[in-house]
PDB file of N, CA and C in Angstrom:
ATOM      1  N   MET A   1      -8.709  -6.478 -12.544  1.00  0.00           N
ATOM      2  CA  MET A   1      -8.444  -5.185 -13.143  1.00  0.00           C
ATOM      3  C   MET A   1      -8.651  -4.102 -12.082  1.00  0.00           C
ATOM      4  N   ASP A   2      -7.633  -3.298 -11.876  1.00  0.00           N
ATOM      5  CA  ASP A   2      -7.719  -2.178 -10.954  1.00  0.00           C
ATOM      6  C   ASP A   2      -8.326  -0.974 -11.668  1.00  0.00           C
ATOM      7  N   THR A   3      -8.787  -0.012 -10.893  1.00  0.00           N
ATOM      8  CA  THR A   3      -9.336   1.202 -11.477  1.00  0.00           C
ATOM      9  C   THR A   3      -8.697   2.428 -10.832  1.00  0.00           C
ATOM     10  N   ILE A   4      -8.650   3.502 -11.589  1.00  0.00           N
ATOM     11  CA  ILE A   4      -8.232   4.796 -11.073  1.00  0.00           C
ATOM     12  C   ILE A   4      -9.379   5.755 -11.326  1.00  0.00           C
ATOM     13  N   LYS A   5      -9.860   6.375 -10.264  1.00  0.00           N
ATOM     14  CA  LYS A   5     -10.965   7.326 -10.387  1.00  0.00           C
ATOM     15  C   LYS A   5     -10.378   8.711 -10.627  1.00  0.00           C
ATOM     16  N   LEU A   6     -10.844   9.349 -11.686  1.00  0.00           N
ATOM     17  CA  LEU A   6     -10.361  10.682 -12.044  1.00  0.00           C
ATOM     18  C   LEU A   6     -10.879  11.733 -11.070  1.00  0.00           C
ATOM     19  N   ARG A   7      -9.985  12.633 -10.665  1.00  0.00           N
ATOM     20  CA  ARG A   7     -10.387  13.786  -9.856  1.00  0.00           C
ATOM     21  C   ARG A   7     -10.652  14.980 -10.764  1.00  0.00           C
ATOM     22  N   GLU A   8     -10.003  14.967 -11.930  1.00  0.00           N
ATOM     23  CA  GLU A   8     -10.174  16.030 -12.914  1.00  0.00           C
ATOM     24  C   GLU A   8     -10.637  15.382 -14.218  1.00  0.00           C
ATOM     25  N   ASP A   9     -10.444  16.065 -15.342  1.00  0.00           N
ATOM     26  CA  ASP A   9     -10.895  15.534 -16.626  1.00  0.00           C
ATOM     27  C   ASP A   9      -9.988  14.436 -17.162  1.00  0.00           C
ATOM     28  N   TYR A  10      -8.713  14.414 -16.708  1.00  0.00           N
ATOM     29  CA  TYR A  10      -7.761  13.427 -17.202  1.00  0.00           C
ATOM     30  C   TYR A  10      -6.649  13.202 -16.187  1.00  0.00           C
ATOM     31  N   ILE A  11      -5.863  12.152 -16.414  1.00  0.00           N
ATOM     32  CA  ILE A  11      -4.647  11.896 -15.663  1.00  0.00           C
ATOM     33  C   ILE A  11      -3.585  11.521 -16.693  1.00  0.00           C
ATOM     34  N   LYS A  12      -2.358  11.936 -16.458  1.00  0.00           N
ATOM     35  CA  LYS A  12      -1.291  11.617 -17.395  1.00  0.00           C
ATOM     36  C   LYS A  12      -0.833  10.180 -17.170  1.00  0.00           C
ATOM     37  N   LEU A  13      -0.357   9.560 -18.237  1.00  0.00           N
ATOM     38  CA  LEU A  13       0.012   8.147 -18.207  1.00  0.00           C
ATOM     39  C   LEU A  13       1.021   7.840 -17.110  1.00  0.00           C
ATOM     40  N   GLY A  14       2.076   8.611 -17.006  1.00  0.00           N
ATOM     41  CA  GLY A  14       3.086   8.372 -15.975  1.00  0.00           C
ATOM     42  C   GLY A  14       2.500   8.446 -14.579  1.00  0.00           C
ATOM     43  N   GLN A  15       1.622   9.402 -14.348  1.00  0.00           N
ATOM     44  CA  GLN A  15       0.965   9.557 -13.051  1.00  0.00           C
ATOM     45  C   GLN A  15       0.053   8.374 -12.747  1.00  0.00           C
ATOM     46  N   ALA A  16      -0.622   7.880 -13.787  1.00  0.00           N
ATOM     47  CA  ALA A  16      -1.536   6.749 -13.605  1.00  0.00           C
ATOM     48  C   ALA A  16      -0.768   5.489 -13.200  1.00  0.00           C
ATOM     49  N   LEU A  17       0.366   5.244 -13.841  1.00  0.00           N
ATOM     50  CA  LEU A  17       1.175   4.072 -13.486  1.00  0.00           C
ATOM     51  C   LEU A  17       1.628   4.151 -12.034  1.00  0.00           C
ATOM     52  N   LYS A  18       2.028   5.322 -11.630  1.00  0.00           N
ATOM     53  CA  LYS A  18       2.484   5.526 -10.259  1.00  0.00           C
ATOM     54  C   LYS A  18       1.322   5.393  -9.273  1.00  0.00           C
ATOM     55  N   ALA A  19       0.173   6.008  -9.590  1.00  0.00           N
ATOM     56  CA  ALA A  19      -0.999   5.959  -8.715  1.00  0.00           C
ATOM     57  C   ALA A  19      -1.508   4.534  -8.520  1.00  0.00           C
ATOM     58  N   ALA A  20      -1.373   3.719  -9.559  1.00  0.00           N
ATOM     59  CA  ALA A  20      -1.843   2.331  -9.480  1.00  0.00           C
ATOM     60  C   ALA A  20      -0.835   1.421  -8.795  1.00  0.00           C
ATOM     61  N   GLY A  21       0.347   1.959  -8.500  1.00  0.00           N
ATOM     62  CA  GLY A  21       1.374   1.153  -7.842  1.00  0.00           C
ATOM     63  C   GLY A  21       2.112   0.219  -8.776  1.00  0.00           C
ATOM     64  N   LEU A  22       2.009   0.459 -10.077  1.00  0.00           N
ATOM     65  CA  LEU A  22       2.687  -0.403 -11.047  1.00  0.00           C
ATOM     66  C   LEU A  22       4.155  -0.044 -11.193  1.00  0.00           C
ATOM     67  N   VAL A  23       4.511   1.185 -10.832  1.00  0.00           N
ATOM     68  CA  VAL A  23       5.908   1.624 -10.803  1.00  0.00           C
ATOM     69  C   VAL A  23       6.121   2.364  -9.490  1.00  0.00           C
ATOM     70  N   GLU A  24       7.384   2.444  -9.058  1.00  0.00           N
ATOM     71  CA  GLU A  24       7.666   3.096  -7.778  1.00  0.00           C
ATOM     72  C   GLU A  24       7.892   4.592  -7.906  1.00  0.00           C
ATOM     73  N   SER A  25       8.337   5.040  -9.078  1.00  0.00           N
ATOM     74  CA  SER A  25       8.641   6.456  -9.229  1.00  0.00           C
ATOM     75  C   SER A  25       8.328   6.924 -10.644  1.00  0.00           C
ATOM     76  N   GLY A  26       8.362   8.243 -10.814  1.00  0.00           N
ATOM     77  CA  GLY A  26       8.155   8.810 -12.133  1.00  0.00           C
ATOM     78  C   GLY A  26       9.251   8.398 -13.104  1.00  0.00           C
ATOM     79  N   VAL A  27      10.460   8.220 -12.584  1.00  0.00           N
ATOM     80  CA  VAL A  27      11.578   7.788 -13.434  1.00  0.00           C
ATOM     81  C   VAL A  27      11.327   6.375 -13.956  1.00  0.00           C
ATOM     82  N   ASP A  28      10.837   5.491 -13.087  1.00  0.00           N
ATOM     83  CA  ASP A  28      10.504   4.124 -13.517  1.00  0.00           C
ATOM     84  C   ASP A  28       9.424   4.153 -14.593  1.00  0.00           C
ATOM     85  N   ALA A  29       8.429   5.018 -14.409  1.00  0.00           N
ATOM     86  CA  ALA A  29       7.354   5.151 -15.398  1.00  0.00           C
ATOM     87  C   ALA A  29       7.924   5.635 -16.723  1.00  0.00           C
ATOM     88  N   LYS A  30       8.806   6.622 -16.654  1.00  0.00           N
ATOM     89  CA  LYS A  30       9.417   7.181 -17.867  1.00  0.00           C
ATOM     90  C   LYS A  30      10.111   6.092 -18.679  1.00  0.00           C
ATOM     91  N   TYR A  31      10.943   5.291 -18.021  1.00  0.00           N
ATOM     92  CA  TYR A  31      11.691   4.258 -18.736  1.00  0.00           C
ATOM     93  C   TYR A  31      10.780   3.149 -19.266  1.00  0.00           C
ATOM     94  N   ALA A  32       9.772   2.765 -18.495  1.00  0.00           N
ATOM     95  CA  ALA A  32       8.840   1.726 -18.953  1.00  0.00           C
ATOM     96  C   ALA A  32       8.109   2.188 -20.209  1.00  0.00           C
ATOM     97  N   ILE A  33       7.709   3.461 -20.222  1.00  0.00           N
ATOM     98  CA  ILE A  33       6.984   3.999 -21.369  1.00  0.00           C
ATOM     99  C   ILE A  33       7.916   4.150 -22.568  1.00  0.00           C
ATOM    100  N   GLU A  34       9.111   4.708 -22.342  1.00  0.00           N
ATOM    101  CA  GLU A  34      10.073   4.879 -23.440  1.00  0.00           C
ATOM    102  C   GLU A  34      10.479   3.548 -24.060  1.00  0.00           C
ATOM    103  N   ASP A  35      10.516   2.494 -23.248  1.00  0.00           N
ATOM    104  CA  ASP A  35      10.906   1.168 -23.734  1.00  0.00           C
ATOM    105  C   ASP A  35       9.765   0.430 -24.427  1.00  0.00           C
ATOM    106  N   GLY A  36       8.588   1.058 -24.520  1.00  0.00           N
ATOM    107  CA  GLY A  36       7.462   0.451 -25.222  1.00  0.00           C
ATOM    108  C   GLY A  36       6.786  -0.670 -24.456  1.00  0.00           C
ATOM    109  N   LEU A  37       6.866  -0.634 -23.125  1.00  0.00           N
ATOM    110  CA  LEU A  37       6.296  -1.697 -22.300  1.00  0.00           C
ATOM    111  C   LEU A  37       4.871  -1.418 -21.847  1.00  0.00           C
ATOM    112  N   VAL A  38       4.363  -0.225 -22.159  1.00  0.00           N
ATOM    113  CA  VAL A  38       3.040   0.185 -21.694  1.00  0.00           C
ATOM    114  C   VAL A  38       2.118   0.361 -22.896  1.00  0.00           C
ATOM    115  N   SER A  39       0.903  -0.165 -22.784  1.00  0.00           N
ATOM    116  CA  SER A  39      -0.068   0.056 -23.859  1.00  0.00           C
ATOM    117  C   SER A  39      -1.318   0.728 -23.302  1.00  0.00           C
ATOM    118  N   VAL A  40      -1.915   1.551 -24.145  1.00  0.00           N
ATOM    119  CA  VAL A  40      -3.160   2.240 -23.803  1.00  0.00           C
ATOM    120  C   VAL A  40      -4.180   1.859 -24.867  1.00  0.00           C
ATOM    121  N   ASN A  41      -5.273   1.271 -24.434  1.00  0.00           N
ATOM    122  CA  ASN A  41      -6.338   0.823 -25.340  1.00  0.00           C
ATOM    123  C   ASN A  41      -5.778  -0.088 -26.438  1.00  0.00           C
ATOM    124  N   GLY A  42      -4.847  -0.950 -26.075  1.00  0.00           N
ATOM    125  CA  GLY A  42      -4.309  -1.941 -27.002  1.00  0.00           C
ATOM    126  C   GLY A  42      -3.182  -1.467 -27.893  1.00  0.00           C
ATOM    127  N   GLU A  43      -2.791  -0.199 -27.793  1.00  0.00           N
ATOM    128  CA  GLU A  43      -1.704   0.328 -28.617  1.00  0.00           C
ATOM    129  C   GLU A  43      -0.552   0.776 -27.727  1.00  0.00           C
ATOM    130  N   VAL A  44       0.678   0.477 -28.134  1.00  0.00           N
ATOM    131  CA  VAL A  44       1.849   0.874 -27.358  1.00  0.00           C
ATOM    132  C   VAL A  44       1.909   2.396 -27.275  1.00  0.00           C
ATOM    133  N   ALA A  45       2.131   2.899 -26.057  1.00  0.00           N
ATOM    134  CA  ALA A  45       2.197   4.347 -25.821  1.00  0.00           C
ATOM    135  C   ALA A  45       3.634   4.737 -25.487  1.00  0.00           C
ATOM    136  N   TYR A  46       4.121   5.789 -26.127  1.00  0.00           N
ATOM    137  CA  TYR A  46       5.489   6.255 -25.886  1.00  0.00           C
ATOM    138  C   TYR A  46       5.531   7.641 -25.247  1.00  0.00           C
ATOM    139  N   GLN A  47       4.373   8.205 -24.912  1.00  0.00           N
ATOM    140  CA  GLN A  47       4.309   9.547 -24.330  1.00  0.00           C
ATOM    141  C   GLN A  47       3.931   9.454 -22.859  1.00  0.00           C
ATOM    142  N   ARG A  48       4.858   9.855 -21.988  1.00  0.00           N
ATOM    143  CA  ARG A  48       4.588   9.816 -20.550  1.00  0.00           C
ATOM    144  C   ARG A  48       3.455  10.774 -20.199  1.00  0.00           C
ATOM    145  N   GLY A  49       3.339  11.878 -20.947  1.00  0.00           N
ATOM    146  CA  GLY A  49       2.319  12.876 -20.674  1.00  0.00           C
ATOM    147  C   GLY A  49       0.996  12.637 -21.378  1.00  0.00           C
ATOM    148  N   LYS A  50       0.843  11.459 -21.996  1.00  0.00           N
ATOM    149  CA  LYS A  50      -0.414  11.146 -22.693  1.00  0.00           C
ATOM    150  C   LYS A  50      -1.575  11.277 -21.712  1.00  0.00           C
ATOM    151  N   LYS A  51      -2.603  11.999 -22.117  1.00  0.00           N
ATOM    152  CA  LYS A  51      -3.755  12.218 -21.258  1.00  0.00           C
ATOM    153  C   LYS A  51      -4.705  11.033 -21.338  1.00  0.00           C
ATOM    154  N   LEU A  52      -5.013  10.471 -20.176  1.00  0.00           N
ATOM    155  CA  LEU A  52      -5.957   9.363 -20.098  1.00  0.00           C
ATOM    156  C   LEU A  52      -7.285   9.900 -19.586  1.00  0.00           C
ATOM    157  N   VAL A  53      -8.357   9.451 -20.213  1.00  0.00           N
ATOM    158  CA  VAL A  53      -9.697   9.911 -19.852  1.00  0.00           C
ATOM    159  C   VAL A  53     -10.576   8.716 -19.497  1.00  0.00           C
ATOM    160  N   ASP A  54     -11.785   9.003 -19.087  1.00  0.00           N
ATOM    161  CA  ASP A  54     -12.751   7.974 -18.700  1.00  0.00           C
ATOM    162  C   ASP A  54     -12.855   6.884 -19.764  1.00  0.00           C
ATOM    163  N   GLY A  55     -12.692   5.642 -19.355  1.00  0.00           N
ATOM    164  CA  GLY A  55     -12.832   4.511 -20.265  1.00  0.00           C
ATOM    165  C   GLY A  55     -11.520   3.972 -20.805  1.00  0.00           C
ATOM    166  N   ASP A  56     -10.425   4.728 -20.676  1.00  0.00           N
ATOM    167  CA  ASP A  56      -9.136   4.239 -21.171  1.00  0.00           C
ATOM    168  C   ASP A  56      -8.660   3.050 -20.335  1.00  0.00           C
ATOM    169  N   VAL A  57      -7.954   2.128 -20.996  1.00  0.00           N
ATOM    170  CA  VAL A  57      -7.421   0.935 -20.342  1.00  0.00           C
ATOM    171  C   VAL A  57      -5.916   0.895 -20.570  1.00  0.00           C
ATOM    172  N   VAL A  58      -5.165   0.778 -19.477  1.00  0.00           N
ATOM    173  CA  VAL A  58      -3.703   0.754 -19.524  1.00  0.00           C
ATOM    174  C   VAL A  58      -3.219  -0.627 -19.119  1.00  0.00           C
ATOM    175  N   THR A  59      -2.262  -1.168 -19.880  1.00  0.00           N
ATOM    176  CA  THR A  59      -1.689  -2.465 -19.567  1.00  0.00           C
ATOM    177  C   THR A  59      -0.178  -2.343 -19.431  1.00  0.00           C
ATOM    178  N   TYR A  60       0.366  -2.945 -18.349  1.00  0.00           N
ATOM    179  CA  TYR A  60       1.802  -2.929 -18.102  1.00  0.00           C
ATOM    180  C   TYR A  60       2.172  -4.176 -17.314  1.00  0.00           C
ATOM    181  N   GLN A  61       3.084  -4.958 -17.819  1.00  0.00           N
ATOM    182  CA  GLN A  61       3.585  -6.182 -17.187  1.00  0.00           C
ATOM    183  C   GLN A  61       2.442  -7.110 -16.730  1.00  0.00           C
ATOM    184  N   GLY A  62       1.474  -7.297 -17.585  1.00  0.00           N
ATOM    185  CA  GLY A  62       0.375  -8.205 -17.278  1.00  0.00           C
ATOM    186  C   GLY A  62      -0.689  -7.626 -16.359  1.00  0.00           C
ATOM    187  N   GLU A  63      -0.493  -6.412 -15.890  1.00  0.00           N
ATOM    188  CA  GLU A  63      -1.467  -5.743 -15.038  1.00  0.00           C
ATOM    189  C   GLU A  63      -2.282  -4.775 -15.882  1.00  0.00           C
ATOM    190  N   THR A  64      -3.575  -4.677 -15.571  1.00  0.00           N
ATOM    191  CA  THR A  64      -4.451  -3.800 -16.331  1.00  0.00           C
ATOM    192  C   THR A  64      -5.168  -2.852 -15.375  1.00  0.00           C
ATOM    193  N   ILE A  65      -5.225  -1.585 -15.773  1.00  0.00           N
ATOM    194  CA  ILE A  65      -5.988  -0.606 -14.992  1.00  0.00           C
ATOM    195  C   ILE A  65      -6.946   0.122 -15.931  1.00  0.00           C
ATOM    196  N   ARG A  66      -8.114   0.437 -15.395  1.00  0.00           N
ATOM    197  CA  ARG A  66      -9.130   1.174 -16.166  1.00  0.00           C
ATOM    198  C   ARG A  66      -9.300   2.541 -15.509  1.00  0.00           C
ATOM    199  N   ILE A  67      -9.416   3.544 -16.364  1.00  0.00           N
ATOM    200  CA  ILE A  67      -9.627   4.914 -15.898  1.00  0.00           C
ATOM    201  C   ILE A  67     -11.138   5.165 -15.877  1.00  0.00           C
ATOM    202  N   ILE A  68     -11.643   5.613 -14.722  1.00  0.00           N
ATOM    203  CA  ILE A  68     -13.079   5.878 -14.610  1.00  0.00           C
ATOM    204  C   ILE A  68     -13.298   7.308 -14.103  1.00  0.00           C
ATOM    205  N   LYS A  69     -14.440   7.861 -14.431  1.00  0.00           N
ATOM    206  CA  LYS A  69     -14.791   9.230 -14.031  1.00  0.00           C
ATOM    207  C   LYS A  69     -15.386   9.211 -12.653  1.00  0.00           C
TER     208      LYS A  69
END
């Protein structure tokens, strides 16, 4: 499980996917999220701008990342 350390209070879902290297661009993140391929804390997320905070867990294509403060 990879981690992303927050610099601020939150990171948006699309940015987190890109920062973790799970997608190559914001456009790739947009389509993955719109297609229902990304889950946050076990629930499918459809909002690219969803705010992720400390403790959130994102799963995409078998890869998992945890958001830490």
